[in-house]
Amino acid sequence: MKKAVKEFFRKYRDILLLNKTIAVSGIISFVIGMIFTESYAGFAGPESSIENSIYTLVVGYASYLPIFAYLFYRDNKDRYVDPNSGTINSHVLIHDIRKLFAAFSVSEAVFIVTKTYIHFHLLELGYLEPYQAYFVAELIAWIVYFVSMNSILKAVKMYRVGENSRRLSDPS
């Protein structure tokens, strides 16, 4: 059993690292957004639901993107280096950045629409505190986001599963 678990983690290492990076970035951004939405509601009042939703979305992205970029770089800085020459293989790097950009573009659009719509409507209903409405909206949007992101990355063959899976993909 222990060997099977180790094999699983070795085989899917890159997928797991990427999802860990997304999750950690998302959790930190989530906490920042929750604090912001509650603070903004106290400042602007309950009649500012759409502004609260939009500003919270901006604050969330302003925190999420740099955190994700840092963590992704930290986990993958050796991934694109040619072991023979020690130089960066820019062809592979650019190829993978394009795939990541495509997956992020679609997934982020889905996330934005889902989160903003749910957050706004929960604030409008008035049954929940602003931080609770944000929590529910964020949780649902993240579930949709993870499914979307992983599905797209699988479709564009971002991951090389199995042996030598240290690079995200094969440029061919």
N, C-alpha and C. Protein backbone atom coordinates (compact mmCIF):
# COMPACT_ATOMS: atom_id res chain seq x y z
N MET A 1 0.83 -1.20 0.00
CA MET A 1 0.00 0.00 0.00
C MET A 1 0.87 1.26 0.00
N LYS A 2 1.90 1.27 0.85
CA LYS A 2 2.78 2.43 0.95
C LYS A 2 3.51 2.66 -0.38
N LYS A 3 3.91 1.57 -1.03
CA LYS A 3 4.58 1.68 -2.31
C LYS A 3 3.64 2.25 -3.38
N ALA A 4 2.39 1.83 -3.34
CA ALA A 4 1.40 2.33 -4.30
C ALA A 4 1.17 3.83 -4.13
N VAL A 5 1.15 4.28 -2.88
CA VAL A 5 0.95 5.71 -2.61
C VAL A 5 2.16 6.50 -3.11
N LYS A 6 3.37 6.00 -2.83
CA LYS A 6 4.57 6.67 -3.32
C LYS A 6 4.58 6.74 -4.85
N GLU A 7 4.19 5.64 -5.49
CA GLU A 7 4.15 5.60 -6.95
C GLU A 7 3.14 6.61 -7.49
N PHE A 8 1.99 6.69 -6.84
CA PHE A 8 0.96 7.66 -7.24
C PHE A 8 1.51 9.08 -7.17
N PHE A 9 2.14 9.43 -6.04
CA PHE A 9 2.69 10.77 -5.88
C PHE A 9 3.83 11.05 -6.85
N ARG A 10 4.63 10.06 -7.16
CA ARG A 10 5.70 10.25 -8.13
C ARG A 10 5.11 10.46 -9.52
N LYS A 11 4.12 9.66 -9.85
CA LYS A 11 3.52 9.72 -11.19
C LYS A 11 2.78 11.04 -11.43
N TYR A 12 2.08 11.52 -10.42
CA TYR A 12 1.25 12.72 -10.57
C TYR A 12 1.84 13.93 -9.85
N ARG A 13 3.14 13.93 -9.63
CA ARG A 13 3.82 14.98 -8.88
C ARG A 13 3.51 16.38 -9.44
N ASP A 14 3.65 16.55 -10.72
CA ASP A 14 3.46 17.87 -11.33
C ASP A 14 2.02 18.36 -11.19
N ILE A 15 1.07 17.48 -11.40
CA ILE A 15 -0.34 17.85 -11.26
C ILE A 15 -0.62 18.25 -9.82
N LEU A 16 -0.12 17.46 -8.89
CA LEU A 16 -0.34 17.75 -7.47
C LEU A 16 0.33 19.06 -7.06
N LEU A 17 1.54 19.32 -7.54
CA LEU A 17 2.22 20.57 -7.22
C LEU A 17 1.45 21.78 -7.74
N LEU A 18 0.97 21.69 -8.97
CA LEU A 18 0.21 22.80 -9.55
C LEU A 18 -1.07 23.04 -8.76
N ASN A 19 -1.79 21.97 -8.43
CA ASN A 19 -3.02 22.12 -7.66
C ASN A 19 -2.75 22.62 -6.25
N LYS A 20 -1.64 22.22 -5.65
CA LYS A 20 -1.25 22.73 -4.33
C LYS A 20 -1.00 24.23 -4.42
N THR A 21 -0.30 24.65 -5.46
CA THR A 21 0.00 26.07 -5.64
C THR A 21 -1.28 26.87 -5.82
N ILE A 22 -2.19 26.35 -6.61
CA ILE A 22 -3.48 27.02 -6.81
C ILE A 22 -4.24 27.10 -5.49
N ALA A 23 -4.27 26.00 -4.75
CA ALA A 23 -5.01 25.95 -3.49
C ALA A 23 -4.43 26.90 -2.44
N VAL A 24 -3.12 26.88 -2.27
CA VAL A 24 -2.49 27.76 -1.27
C VAL A 24 -2.71 29.22 -1.63
N SER A 25 -2.51 29.56 -2.89
CA SER A 25 -2.75 30.93 -3.35
C SER A 25 -4.19 31.33 -3.12
N GLY A 26 -5.09 30.40 -3.43
CA GLY A 26 -6.51 30.66 -3.26
C GLY A 26 -6.91 30.85 -1.82
N ILE A 27 -6.35 30.05 -0.92
CA ILE A 27 -6.68 30.17 0.50
C ILE A 27 -6.22 31.52 1.05
N ILE A 28 -5.02 31.92 0.72
CA ILE A 28 -4.51 33.22 1.18
C ILE A 28 -5.36 34.35 0.61
N SER A 29 -5.65 34.28 -0.68
CA SER A 29 -6.49 35.28 -1.33
C SER A 29 -7.89 35.30 -0.72
N PHE A 30 -8.40 34.12 -0.39
CA PHE A 30 -9.71 33.99 0.21
C PHE A 30 -9.79 34.73 1.55
N VAL A 31 -8.79 34.54 2.38
CA VAL A 31 -8.78 35.20 3.69
C VAL A 31 -8.72 36.72 3.51
N ILE A 32 -7.89 37.16 2.60
CA ILE A 32 -7.80 38.60 2.33
C ILE A 32 -9.14 39.13 1.82
N GLY A 33 -9.77 38.39 0.90
CA GLY A 33 -11.07 38.81 0.36
C GLY A 33 -12.16 38.82 1.42
N MET A 34 -12.15 37.85 2.31
CA MET A 34 -13.17 37.78 3.35
C MET A 34 -13.05 38.99 4.29
N ILE A 35 -11.84 39.32 4.65
CA ILE A 35 -11.61 40.48 5.51
C ILE A 35 -12.04 41.76 4.79
N PHE A 36 -11.69 41.85 3.51
CA PHE A 36 -12.04 43.04 2.74
C PHE A 36 -13.55 43.21 2.59
N THR A 37 -14.26 42.12 2.21
CA THR A 37 -15.70 42.25 1.97
C THR A 37 -16.45 42.66 3.23
N GLU A 38 -16.03 42.14 4.37
CA GLU A 38 -16.67 42.51 5.64
C GLU A 38 -16.35 43.96 5.98
N SER A 39 -15.11 44.37 5.78
CA SER A 39 -14.71 45.76 6.06
C SER A 39 -15.44 46.73 5.15
N TYR A 40 -15.52 46.38 3.86
CA TYR A 40 -16.18 47.26 2.91
C TYR A 40 -17.67 47.39 3.23
N ALA A 41 -18.31 46.28 3.60
CA ALA A 41 -19.73 46.33 3.94
C ALA A 41 -19.96 47.22 5.16
N GLY A 42 -19.05 47.18 6.12
CA GLY A 42 -19.16 48.05 7.29
C GLY A 42 -18.97 49.51 6.93
N PHE A 43 -18.12 49.77 5.96
CA PHE A 43 -17.83 51.13 5.53
C PHE A 43 -18.93 51.68 4.62
N ALA A 44 -19.31 50.91 3.60
CA ALA A 44 -20.22 51.41 2.57
C ALA A 44 -21.68 51.08 2.85
N GLY A 45 -21.93 50.10 3.69
CA GLY A 45 -23.31 49.74 4.00
C GLY A 45 -23.83 48.62 3.12
N PRO A 46 -24.98 48.07 3.49
CA PRO A 46 -25.53 46.91 2.79
C PRO A 46 -26.08 47.22 1.40
N GLU A 47 -26.32 48.48 1.09
CA GLU A 47 -26.89 48.81 -0.22
C GLU A 47 -25.85 48.82 -1.34
N SER A 48 -24.61 48.52 -1.02
CA SER A 48 -23.53 48.55 -2.02
C SER A 48 -23.09 47.15 -2.42
N SER A 49 -24.03 46.26 -2.65
CA SER A 49 -23.71 44.85 -2.93
C SER A 49 -22.87 44.67 -4.19
N ILE A 50 -23.21 45.34 -5.27
CA ILE A 50 -22.47 45.15 -6.52
C ILE A 50 -21.06 45.72 -6.39
N GLU A 51 -20.93 46.89 -5.76
CA GLU A 51 -19.59 47.45 -5.56
C GLU A 51 -18.75 46.54 -4.68
N ASN A 52 -19.35 46.03 -3.62
CA ASN A 52 -18.65 45.13 -2.72
C ASN A 52 -18.16 43.89 -3.48
N SER A 53 -19.02 43.31 -4.29
CA SER A 53 -18.65 42.12 -5.07
C SER A 53 -17.50 42.40 -6.03
N ILE A 54 -17.57 43.51 -6.73
CA ILE A 54 -16.55 43.85 -7.72
C ILE A 54 -15.22 44.22 -7.04
N TYR A 55 -15.26 45.07 -6.03
CA TYR A 55 -14.03 45.44 -5.34
C TYR A 55 -13.37 44.24 -4.66
N THR A 56 -14.18 43.37 -4.10
CA THR A 56 -13.63 42.18 -3.46
C THR A 56 -12.98 41.28 -4.50
N LEU A 57 -13.56 41.19 -5.67
CA LEU A 57 -12.97 40.41 -6.76
C LEU A 57 -11.60 40.98 -7.14
N VAL A 58 -11.51 42.29 -7.26
CA VAL A 58 -10.24 42.94 -7.62
C VAL A 58 -9.19 42.71 -6.53
N VAL A 59 -9.58 42.86 -5.29
CA VAL A 59 -8.64 42.64 -4.18
C VAL A 59 -8.19 41.18 -4.16
N GLY A 60 -9.12 40.27 -4.43
CA GLY A 60 -8.77 38.85 -4.48
C GLY A 60 -7.73 38.56 -5.54
N TYR A 61 -7.91 39.10 -6.73
CA TYR A 61 -6.94 38.88 -7.81
C TYR A 61 -5.63 39.59 -7.54
N ALA A 62 -5.70 40.76 -6.95
CA ALA A 62 -4.47 41.49 -6.64
C ALA A 62 -3.61 40.73 -5.64
N SER A 63 -4.22 39.90 -4.84
CA SER A 63 -3.44 39.08 -3.91
C SER A 63 -3.14 37.70 -4.49
N TYR A 64 -4.07 37.10 -5.22
CA TYR A 64 -3.92 35.74 -5.73
C TYR A 64 -2.80 35.62 -6.77
N LEU A 65 -2.80 36.50 -7.75
CA LEU A 65 -1.86 36.36 -8.87
C LEU A 65 -0.39 36.43 -8.45
N PRO A 66 0.03 37.42 -7.64
CA PRO A 66 1.45 37.42 -7.25
C PRO A 66 1.82 36.22 -6.37
N ILE A 67 0.91 35.80 -5.52
CA ILE A 67 1.19 34.64 -4.67
C ILE A 67 1.33 33.40 -5.52
N PHE A 68 0.42 33.21 -6.49
CA PHE A 68 0.50 32.06 -7.38
C PHE A 68 1.81 32.08 -8.17
N ALA A 69 2.14 33.24 -8.74
CA ALA A 69 3.36 33.34 -9.56
C ALA A 69 4.59 32.99 -8.74
N TYR A 70 4.66 33.49 -7.53
CA TYR A 70 5.81 33.18 -6.67
C TYR A 70 5.89 31.69 -6.36
N LEU A 71 4.78 31.10 -5.92
CA LEU A 71 4.78 29.68 -5.56
C LEU A 71 5.06 28.79 -6.77
N PHE A 72 4.49 29.14 -7.92
CA PHE A 72 4.72 28.35 -9.13
C PHE A 72 6.19 28.41 -9.52
N TYR A 73 6.76 29.60 -9.46
CA TYR A 73 8.18 29.75 -9.78
C TYR A 73 9.04 28.94 -8.82
N ARG A 74 8.74 29.04 -7.54
CA ARG A 74 9.52 28.32 -6.53
C ARG A 74 9.47 26.80 -6.76
N ASP A 75 8.29 26.27 -7.10
CA ASP A 75 8.15 24.83 -7.33
C ASP A 75 8.76 24.37 -8.64
N ASN A 76 8.88 25.25 -9.63
CA ASN A 76 9.24 24.83 -10.98
C ASN A 76 10.48 25.47 -11.56
N LYS A 77 11.27 26.17 -10.77
CA LYS A 77 12.39 26.92 -11.34
C LYS A 77 13.42 26.03 -12.01
N ASP A 78 13.53 24.78 -11.57
CA ASP A 78 14.50 23.89 -12.20
C ASP A 78 13.90 23.07 -13.35
N ARG A 79 12.64 23.20 -13.58
CA ARG A 79 11.92 22.37 -14.55
C ARG A 79 12.32 22.62 -16.00
N TYR A 80 12.69 23.82 -16.31
CA TYR A 80 12.94 24.18 -17.70
C TYR A 80 14.43 24.34 -18.03
N VAL A 81 15.27 23.84 -17.17
CA VAL A 81 16.71 23.95 -17.39
C VAL A 81 17.22 22.68 -18.07
N ASP A 82 17.95 22.87 -19.16
CA ASP A 82 18.55 21.74 -19.87
C ASP A 82 19.67 21.18 -19.00
N PRO A 83 19.58 19.90 -18.62
CA PRO A 83 20.60 19.34 -17.71
C PRO A 83 22.00 19.29 -18.33
N ASN A 84 22.09 19.23 -19.65
CA ASN A 84 23.41 19.16 -20.30
C ASN A 84 24.12 20.50 -20.33
N SER A 85 23.39 21.55 -20.68
CA SER A 85 24.04 22.85 -20.84
C SER A 85 23.80 23.79 -19.66
N GLY A 86 22.78 23.53 -18.87
CA GLY A 86 22.46 24.41 -17.75
C GLY A 86 21.72 25.67 -18.17
N THR A 87 21.29 25.74 -19.44
CA THR A 87 20.56 26.91 -19.92
C THR A 87 19.05 26.63 -19.90
N ILE A 88 18.30 27.68 -19.91
CA ILE A 88 16.85 27.56 -19.92
C ILE A 88 16.39 27.17 -21.31
N ASN A 89 15.55 26.16 -21.37
CA ASN A 89 14.96 25.73 -22.63
C ASN A 89 13.73 26.60 -22.87
N SER A 90 13.93 27.72 -23.54
CA SER A 90 12.85 28.69 -23.73
C SER A 90 11.72 28.15 -24.59
N HIS A 91 12.01 27.22 -25.49
CA HIS A 91 10.95 26.64 -26.32
C HIS A 91 9.93 25.91 -25.44
N VAL A 92 10.40 25.09 -24.53
CA VAL A 92 9.51 24.36 -23.64
C VAL A 92 8.80 25.32 -22.69
N LEU A 93 9.52 26.30 -22.17
CA LEU A 93 8.93 27.27 -21.26
C LEU A 93 7.80 28.04 -21.93
N ILE A 94 8.03 28.56 -23.11
CA ILE A 94 7.01 29.32 -23.83
C ILE A 94 5.82 28.44 -24.18
N HIS A 95 6.09 27.22 -24.59
CA HIS A 95 5.02 26.26 -24.92
C HIS A 95 4.12 26.03 -23.70
N ASP A 96 4.72 25.83 -22.54
CA ASP A 96 3.94 25.58 -21.33
C ASP A 96 3.23 26.83 -20.84
N ILE A 97 3.85 27.99 -20.99
CA ILE A 97 3.20 29.24 -20.59
C ILE A 97 1.94 29.46 -21.43
N ARG A 98 1.99 29.14 -22.70
CA ARG A 98 0.81 29.28 -23.56
C ARG A 98 -0.32 28.38 -23.08
N LYS A 99 0.02 27.14 -22.74
CA LYS A 99 -1.01 26.22 -22.24
C LYS A 99 -1.59 26.70 -20.91
N LEU A 100 -0.71 27.15 -20.01
CA LEU A 100 -1.18 27.68 -18.74
C LEU A 100 -2.06 28.91 -18.94
N PHE A 101 -1.64 29.79 -19.83
CA PHE A 101 -2.40 31.01 -20.10
C PHE A 101 -3.80 30.67 -20.63
N ALA A 102 -3.87 29.72 -21.55
CA ALA A 102 -5.18 29.31 -22.09
C ALA A 102 -6.07 28.74 -20.99
N ALA A 103 -5.51 27.85 -20.19
CA ALA A 103 -6.30 27.24 -19.12
C ALA A 103 -6.72 28.27 -18.08
N PHE A 104 -5.81 29.16 -17.71
CA PHE A 104 -6.15 30.20 -16.74
C PHE A 104 -7.18 31.16 -17.29
N SER A 105 -7.06 31.53 -18.54
CA SER A 105 -8.00 32.50 -19.13
C SER A 105 -9.43 31.99 -19.05
N VAL A 106 -9.65 30.79 -19.49
CA VAL A 106 -11.00 30.23 -19.48
C VAL A 106 -11.47 29.99 -18.05
N SER A 107 -10.62 29.37 -17.24
CA SER A 107 -11.00 29.04 -15.87
C SER A 107 -11.26 30.29 -15.03
N GLU A 108 -10.45 31.31 -15.21
CA GLU A 108 -10.63 32.54 -14.47
C GLU A 108 -11.92 33.26 -14.89
N ALA A 109 -12.25 33.23 -16.16
CA ALA A 109 -13.51 33.83 -16.62
C ALA A 109 -14.69 33.13 -15.97
N VAL A 110 -14.64 31.81 -15.95
CA VAL A 110 -15.70 31.03 -15.31
C VAL A 110 -15.77 31.36 -13.82
N PHE A 111 -14.61 31.45 -13.18
CA PHE A 111 -14.54 31.77 -11.75
C PHE A 111 -15.15 33.15 -11.47
N ILE A 112 -14.75 34.14 -12.26
CA ILE A 112 -15.23 35.51 -12.04
C ILE A 112 -16.74 35.59 -12.15
N VAL A 113 -17.29 35.02 -13.20
CA VAL A 113 -18.74 35.08 -13.39
C VAL A 113 -19.46 34.34 -12.26
N THR A 114 -18.99 33.15 -11.95
CA THR A 114 -19.63 32.36 -10.90
C THR A 114 -19.59 33.07 -9.56
N LYS A 115 -18.40 33.50 -9.16
CA LYS A 115 -18.24 34.12 -7.84
C LYS A 115 -19.00 35.43 -7.72
N THR A 116 -18.86 36.30 -8.71
CA THR A 116 -19.51 37.60 -8.63
C THR A 116 -21.03 37.45 -8.62
N TYR A 117 -21.54 36.59 -9.46
CA TYR A 117 -22.99 36.37 -9.52
C TYR A 117 -23.53 35.86 -8.19
N ILE A 118 -22.89 34.83 -7.65
CA ILE A 118 -23.36 34.24 -6.40
C ILE A 118 -23.18 35.23 -5.24
N HIS A 119 -22.02 35.88 -5.16
CA HIS A 119 -21.75 36.84 -4.08
C HIS A 119 -22.77 37.98 -4.10
N PHE A 120 -23.01 38.54 -5.26
CA PHE A 120 -23.97 39.64 -5.39
C PHE A 120 -25.36 39.20 -4.93
N HIS A 121 -25.81 38.06 -5.42
CA HIS A 121 -27.17 37.62 -5.08
C HIS A 121 -27.31 37.24 -3.61
N LEU A 122 -26.29 36.68 -3.03
CA LEU A 122 -26.35 36.37 -1.60
C LEU A 122 -26.37 37.65 -0.77
N LEU A 123 -25.61 38.66 -1.19
CA LEU A 123 -25.64 39.94 -0.49
C LEU A 123 -27.02 40.60 -0.64
N GLU A 124 -27.59 40.50 -1.82
CA GLU A 124 -28.91 41.08 -2.07
C GLU A 124 -30.01 40.41 -1.25
N LEU A 125 -29.90 39.09 -1.07
CA LEU A 125 -30.90 38.38 -0.27
C LEU A 125 -30.87 38.83 1.18
N GLY A 126 -29.68 39.16 1.66
CA GLY A 126 -29.56 39.70 3.01
C GLY A 126 -29.66 38.68 4.13
N TYR A 127 -29.69 37.39 3.81
CA TYR A 127 -29.78 36.36 4.85
C TYR A 127 -28.44 36.10 5.52
N LEU A 128 -27.37 36.42 4.84
CA LEU A 128 -26.04 36.12 5.34
C LEU A 128 -25.26 37.40 5.59
N GLU A 129 -24.31 37.31 6.50
CA GLU A 129 -23.37 38.40 6.69
C GLU A 129 -22.49 38.48 5.44
N PRO A 130 -21.89 39.64 5.15
CA PRO A 130 -21.06 39.74 3.94
C PRO A 130 -19.94 38.69 3.87
N TYR A 131 -19.27 38.42 4.99
CA TYR A 131 -18.20 37.42 4.95
C TYR A 131 -18.75 36.02 4.68
N GLN A 132 -19.98 35.73 5.14
CA GLN A 132 -20.59 34.43 4.87
C GLN A 132 -20.99 34.31 3.40
N ALA A 133 -21.54 35.38 2.84
CA ALA A 133 -21.89 35.38 1.42
C ALA A 133 -20.65 35.18 0.57
N TYR A 134 -19.58 35.86 0.97
CA TYR A 134 -18.31 35.71 0.25
C TYR A 134 -17.81 34.28 0.35
N PHE A 135 -17.87 33.70 1.53
CA PHE A 135 -17.41 32.33 1.75
C PHE A 135 -18.15 31.35 0.84
N VAL A 136 -19.46 31.42 0.81
CA VAL A 136 -20.26 30.51 -0.01
C VAL A 136 -19.96 30.72 -1.49
N ALA A 137 -19.92 31.97 -1.93
CA ALA A 137 -19.64 32.26 -3.34
C ALA A 137 -18.25 31.78 -3.74
N GLU A 138 -17.27 32.04 -2.89
CA GLU A 138 -15.90 31.65 -3.17
C GLU A 138 -15.76 30.13 -3.22
N LEU A 139 -16.38 29.45 -2.28
CA LEU A 139 -16.30 27.99 -2.23
C LEU A 139 -16.88 27.36 -3.50
N ILE A 140 -18.04 27.79 -3.90
CA ILE A 140 -18.67 27.24 -5.11
C ILE A 140 -17.83 27.59 -6.35
N ALA A 141 -17.36 28.83 -6.42
CA ALA A 141 -16.56 29.24 -7.57
C ALA A 141 -15.24 28.46 -7.64
N TRP A 142 -14.62 28.17 -6.50
CA TRP A 142 -13.37 27.40 -6.50
C TRP A 142 -13.58 25.97 -6.95
N ILE A 143 -14.68 25.38 -6.57
CA ILE A 143 -14.97 24.02 -7.04
C ILE A 143 -15.09 24.01 -8.55
N VAL A 144 -15.85 24.95 -9.08
CA VAL A 144 -16.01 25.06 -10.53
C VAL A 144 -14.66 25.35 -11.19
N TYR A 145 -13.85 26.20 -10.57
CA TYR A 145 -12.54 26.58 -11.09
C TYR A 145 -11.60 25.37 -11.19
N PHE A 146 -11.51 24.60 -10.11
CA PHE A 146 -10.61 23.44 -10.11
C PHE A 146 -11.01 22.43 -11.18
N VAL A 147 -12.30 22.18 -11.31
CA VAL A 147 -12.76 21.24 -12.34
C VAL A 147 -12.42 21.78 -13.72
N SER A 148 -12.70 23.05 -13.95
CA SER A 148 -12.43 23.68 -15.23
C SER A 148 -10.94 23.67 -15.55
N MET A 149 -10.12 24.10 -14.62
CA MET A 149 -8.67 24.20 -14.83
C MET A 149 -8.06 22.84 -15.15
N ASN A 150 -8.36 21.86 -14.33
CA ASN A 150 -7.78 20.53 -14.54
C ASN A 150 -8.29 19.88 -15.82
N SER A 151 -9.54 20.11 -16.16
CA SER A 151 -10.09 19.57 -17.41
C SER A 151 -9.39 20.18 -18.62
N ILE A 152 -9.20 21.48 -18.59
CA ILE A 152 -8.55 22.16 -19.72
C ILE A 152 -7.08 21.73 -19.83
N LEU A 153 -6.39 21.67 -18.70
CA LEU A 153 -4.98 21.26 -18.74
C LEU A 153 -4.83 19.82 -19.22
N LYS A 154 -5.78 18.99 -18.90
CA LYS A 154 -5.75 17.61 -19.41
C LYS A 154 -6.02 17.61 -20.92
N ALA A 155 -6.97 18.42 -21.35
CA ALA A 155 -7.32 18.48 -22.78
C ALA A 155 -6.17 19.00 -23.64
N VAL A 156 -5.40 19.96 -23.11
CA VAL A 156 -4.28 20.50 -23.88
C VAL A 156 -2.98 19.73 -23.62
N LYS A 157 -3.11 18.62 -22.91
CA LYS A 157 -1.98 17.72 -22.62
C LYS A 157 -0.82 18.47 -21.95
N MET A 158 -1.18 19.22 -20.91
CA MET A 158 -0.17 19.97 -20.17
C MET A 158 0.73 19.05 -19.37
N TYR A 159 0.17 17.99 -18.84
CA TYR A 159 0.92 17.12 -17.96
C TYR A 159 1.48 15.92 -18.68
N ARG A 160 2.70 15.58 -18.34
CA ARG A 160 3.30 14.33 -18.78
C ARG A 160 3.28 13.43 -17.57
N VAL A 161 2.45 12.44 -17.59
CA VAL A 161 2.29 11.55 -16.44
C VAL A 161 3.25 10.38 -16.60
N GLY A 162 3.90 10.02 -15.51
CA GLY A 162 4.77 8.85 -15.53
C GLY A 162 6.22 9.23 -15.45
N GLU A 163 7.04 8.49 -16.15
CA GLU A 163 8.49 8.68 -16.11
C GLU A 163 8.87 10.10 -16.56
N ASN A 164 9.89 10.59 -15.92
CA ASN A 164 10.48 11.89 -16.28
C ASN A 164 9.42 12.99 -16.40
N SER A 165 8.48 13.01 -15.48
CA SER A 165 7.40 14.00 -15.58
C SER A 165 7.79 15.32 -14.94
N ARG A 166 9.06 15.60 -14.78
CA ARG A 166 9.51 16.83 -14.16
C ARG A 166 9.14 18.06 -14.99
N ARG A 167 9.12 17.91 -16.32
CA ARG A 167 8.64 19.02 -17.15
C ARG A 167 7.13 18.94 -17.23
N LEU A 168 6.49 20.09 -17.39
CA LEU A 168 5.04 20.09 -17.47
C LEU A 168 4.53 19.40 -18.72
N SER A 169 5.19 19.60 -19.83
CA SER A 169 4.68 19.00 -21.06
C SER A 169 5.82 18.81 -22.04
N ASP A 170 5.50 18.11 -23.09
CA ASP A 170 6.45 17.88 -24.16
C ASP A 170 6.12 18.85 -25.28
N PRO A 171 7.05 19.64 -25.77
CA PRO A 171 6.73 20.66 -26.74
C PRO A 171 6.31 20.13 -28.11
N SER A 172 6.40 18.85 -28.31
CA SER A 172 6.04 18.32 -29.63
C SER A 172 4.56 18.22 -29.84
